[in-house]
Amino acid sequence: MTGGRAAGPGAAHSVEAVFREERGRLLAVLVRQFGDLDLAEEVASEAVAAALERWPVDGVPARPGAWLLTTARRRAVDLLRRDRPPRRPRGRGRAGRARRAGR
């Protein structure tokens, strides 16, 4: 537990109440940070699912809205990293060839 309320069956009700209260702020922050409403809604839903799994075991965190936001941000970063094209190794581009050629 992270300093919040005790774990138990009331945690699911807490998740619902927190999400209802924090939803607009959560989506606004995520859209501002990542520029994609669909991504924001997806990761917010996944954060709620994670809360439904964790809060009954660990208890409701002291700052549940912050917990949801942090979880959603981390998931968004994971998704964006997974979907981006692989990076080229350093030194393989035109500048790297020029350095190796002694130019």
C-alpha atoms as a PDB file:
ATOM      1  CA  MET A   1       0.000   0.000   0.000  1.00  0.00           C
ATOM      2  CA  THR A   2       1.225   3.509  -0.738  1.00  0.00           C
ATOM      3  CA  GLY A   3      -0.170   5.363   2.256  1.00  0.00           C
ATOM      4  CA  GLY A   4      -3.805   5.303   1.161  1.00  0.00           C
ATOM      5  CA  ARG A   5      -6.906   3.600   2.468  1.00  0.00           C
ATOM      6  CA  ALA A   6      -6.933  -0.082   3.322  1.00  0.00           C
ATOM      7  CA  ALA A   7      -7.357  -2.745   0.686  1.00  0.00           C
ATOM      8  CA  GLY A   8     -10.646  -4.519   0.331  1.00  0.00           C
ATOM      9  CA  PRO A   9     -13.832  -4.976  -1.669  1.00  0.00           C
ATOM     10  CA  GLY A  10     -14.680  -1.248  -1.534  1.00  0.00           C
ATOM     11  CA  ALA A  11     -11.714  -0.530  -3.783  1.00  0.00           C
ATOM     12  CA  ALA A  12     -13.757  -1.134  -6.959  1.00  0.00           C
ATOM     13  CA  HIS A  13     -16.239   1.502  -5.826  1.00  0.00           C
ATOM     14  CA  SER A  14     -13.308   3.829  -5.112  1.00  0.00           C
ATOM     15  CA  VAL A  15     -11.922   3.307  -8.622  1.00  0.00           C
ATOM     16  CA  GLU A  16     -15.279   4.206 -10.119  1.00  0.00           C
ATOM     17  CA  ALA A  17     -15.650   7.305  -7.950  1.00  0.00           C
ATOM     18  CA  VAL A  18     -12.110   8.507  -8.615  1.00  0.00           C
ATOM     19  CA  PHE A  19     -12.385   7.947 -12.352  1.00  0.00           C
ATOM     20  CA  ARG A  20     -15.696   9.785 -12.501  1.00  0.00           C
ATOM     21  CA  GLU A  21     -14.150  12.735 -10.666  1.00  0.00           C
ATOM     22  CA  GLU A  22     -10.758  12.746 -12.436  1.00  0.00           C
ATOM     23  CA  ARG A  23     -11.710  11.646 -15.967  1.00  0.00           C
ATOM     24  CA  GLY A  24     -11.785  15.079 -17.593  1.00  0.00           C
ATOM     25  CA  ARG A  25      -8.531  16.203 -16.014  1.00  0.00           C
ATOM     26  CA  LEU A  26      -6.862  12.871 -16.784  1.00  0.00           C
ATOM     27  CA  LEU A  27      -7.839  12.979 -20.463  1.00  0.00           C
ATOM     28  CA  ALA A  28      -6.896  16.656 -20.791  1.00  0.00           C
ATOM     29  CA  VAL A  29      -3.407  16.079 -19.414  1.00  0.00           C
ATOM     30  CA  LEU A  30      -2.855  13.007 -21.573  1.00  0.00           C
ATOM     31  CA  VAL A  31      -4.101  14.704 -24.762  1.00  0.00           C
ATOM     32  CA  ARG A  32      -1.933  17.742 -24.035  1.00  0.00           C
ATOM     33  CA  GLN A  33       1.115  15.545 -23.461  1.00  0.00           C
ATOM     34  CA  PHE A  34       0.652  13.030 -26.296  1.00  0.00           C
ATOM     35  CA  GLY A  35      -1.568  14.932 -28.757  1.00  0.00           C
ATOM     36  CA  ASP A  36      -3.903  12.001 -29.399  1.00  0.00           C
ATOM     37  CA  LEU A  37      -7.390  11.665 -27.903  1.00  0.00           C
ATOM     38  CA  ASP A  38      -7.745   8.006 -28.923  1.00  0.00           C
ATOM     39  CA  LEU A  39      -4.460   7.139 -27.218  1.00  0.00           C
ATOM     40  CA  ALA A  40      -5.489   9.115 -24.127  1.00  0.00           C
ATOM     41  CA  GLU A  41      -8.802   7.279 -23.853  1.00  0.00           C
ATOM     42  CA  GLU A  42      -7.135   3.906 -24.392  1.00  0.00           C
ATOM     43  CA  VAL A  43      -4.459   4.373 -21.742  1.00  0.00           C
ATOM     44  CA  ALA A  44      -6.932   5.928 -19.279  1.00  0.00           C
ATOM     45  CA  SER A  45      -9.106   2.821 -19.621  1.00  0.00           C
ATOM     46  CA  GLU A  46      -6.083   0.601 -19.115  1.00  0.00           C
ATOM     47  CA  ALA A  47      -5.129   2.583 -15.998  1.00  0.00           C
ATOM     48  CA  VAL A  48      -8.617   2.008 -14.590  1.00  0.00           C
ATOM     49  CA  ALA A  49      -8.310  -1.709 -15.334  1.00  0.00           C
ATOM     50  CA  ALA A  50      -4.957  -1.754 -13.525  1.00  0.00           C
ATOM     51  CA  ALA A  51      -6.514   0.072 -10.560  1.00  0.00           C
ATOM     52  CA  LEU A  52      -9.345  -2.467 -10.401  1.00  0.00           C
ATOM     53  CA  GLU A  53      -6.691  -5.172 -10.209  1.00  0.00           C
ATOM     54  CA  ARG A  54      -4.244  -3.488  -7.803  1.00  0.00           C
ATOM     55  CA  TRP A  55      -6.310  -1.372  -5.398  1.00  0.00           C
ATOM     56  CA  PRO A  56      -8.229  -4.281  -3.846  1.00  0.00           C
ATOM     57  CA  VAL A  57      -4.845  -5.877  -3.045  1.00  0.00           C
ATOM     58  CA  ASP A  58      -2.683  -2.848  -2.214  1.00  0.00           C
ATOM     59  CA  GLY A  59      -5.329  -0.415  -1.026  1.00  0.00           C
ATOM     60  CA  VAL A  60      -6.404   2.879  -2.539  1.00  0.00           C
ATOM     61  CA  PRO A  61      -3.355   5.150  -2.915  1.00  0.00           C
ATOM     62  CA  ALA A  62      -3.128   8.444  -1.046  1.00  0.00           C
ATOM     63  CA  ARG A  63      -3.439  10.311  -4.363  1.00  0.00           C
ATOM     64  CA  PRO A  64      -5.567   8.081  -6.596  1.00  0.00           C
ATOM     65  CA  GLY A  65      -5.853  10.600  -9.443  1.00  0.00           C
ATOM     66  CA  ALA A  66      -2.072  10.893  -9.594  1.00  0.00           C
ATOM     67  CA  TRP A  67      -1.803   7.082  -9.560  1.00  0.00           C
ATOM     68  CA  LEU A  68      -4.160   6.830 -12.544  1.00  0.00           C
ATOM     69  CA  LEU A  69      -2.265   9.554 -14.425  1.00  0.00           C
ATOM     70  CA  THR A  70       1.133   7.993 -13.795  1.00  0.00           C
ATOM     71  CA  THR A  71      -0.105   4.554 -14.843  1.00  0.00           C
ATOM     72  CA  ALA A  72      -1.721   5.966 -18.006  1.00  0.00           C
ATOM     73  CA  ARG A  73       1.385   7.975 -18.940  1.00  0.00           C
ATOM     74  CA  ARG A  74       3.636   4.960 -18.552  1.00  0.00           C
ATOM     75  CA  ARG A  75       1.323   2.849 -20.705  1.00  0.00           C
ATOM     76  CA  ALA A  76       1.200   5.568 -23.377  1.00  0.00           C
ATOM     77  CA  VAL A  77       4.994   5.735 -23.499  1.00  0.00           C
ATOM     78  CA  ASP A  78       5.137   1.934 -23.773  1.00  0.00           C
ATOM     79  CA  LEU A  79       2.667   1.959 -26.671  1.00  0.00           C
ATOM     80  CA  LEU A  80       4.453   4.781 -28.490  1.00  0.00           C
ATOM     81  CA  ARG A  81       7.835   3.084 -28.129  1.00  0.00           C
ATOM     82  CA  ARG A  82       6.411  -0.191 -29.398  1.00  0.00           C
ATOM     83  CA  ASP A  83       4.849   1.461 -32.446  1.00  0.00           C
ATOM     84  CA  ARG A  84       7.763   3.637 -33.540  1.00  0.00           C
ATOM     85  CA  PRO A  85      10.148   2.422 -36.226  1.00  0.00           C
ATOM     86  CA  PRO A  86      13.459   1.010 -35.000  1.00  0.00           C
ATOM     87  CA  ARG A  87      16.280   3.515 -34.680  1.00  0.00           C
ATOM     88  CA  ARG A  88      19.227   3.264 -36.980  1.00  0.00           C
ATOM     89  CA  PRO A  89      22.530   2.547 -35.233  1.00  0.00           C
ATOM     90  CA  ARG A  90      24.713   5.613 -34.766  1.00  0.00           C
ATOM     91  CA  GLY A  91      27.352   6.240 -37.372  1.00  0.00           C
ATOM     92  CA  ARG A  92      25.516   4.455 -40.185  1.00  0.00           C
ATOM     93  CA  GLY A  93      24.110   7.541 -41.875  1.00  0.00           C
ATOM     94  CA  ARG A  94      25.784   9.886 -44.337  1.00  0.00           C
ATOM     95  CA  ALA A  95      27.640  11.741 -41.559  1.00  0.00           C
ATOM     96  CA  GLY A  96      28.968   8.469 -40.144  1.00  0.00           C
ATOM     97  CA  ARG A  97      30.271   7.371 -43.542  1.00  0.00           C
ATOM     98  CA  ALA A  98      31.948  10.744 -44.014  1.00  0.00           C
ATOM     99  CA  ARG A  99      33.689  10.438 -40.610  1.00  0.00           C
ATOM    100  CA  ARG A 100      34.932   6.946 -41.417  1.00  0.00           C
ATOM    101  CA  ALA A 101      36.183   8.119 -44.806  1.00  0.00           C
ATOM    102  CA  GLY A 102      38.256  10.824 -43.102  1.00  0.00           C
ATOM    103  CA  ARG A 103      36.336  13.807 -44.453  1.00  0.00           C
END
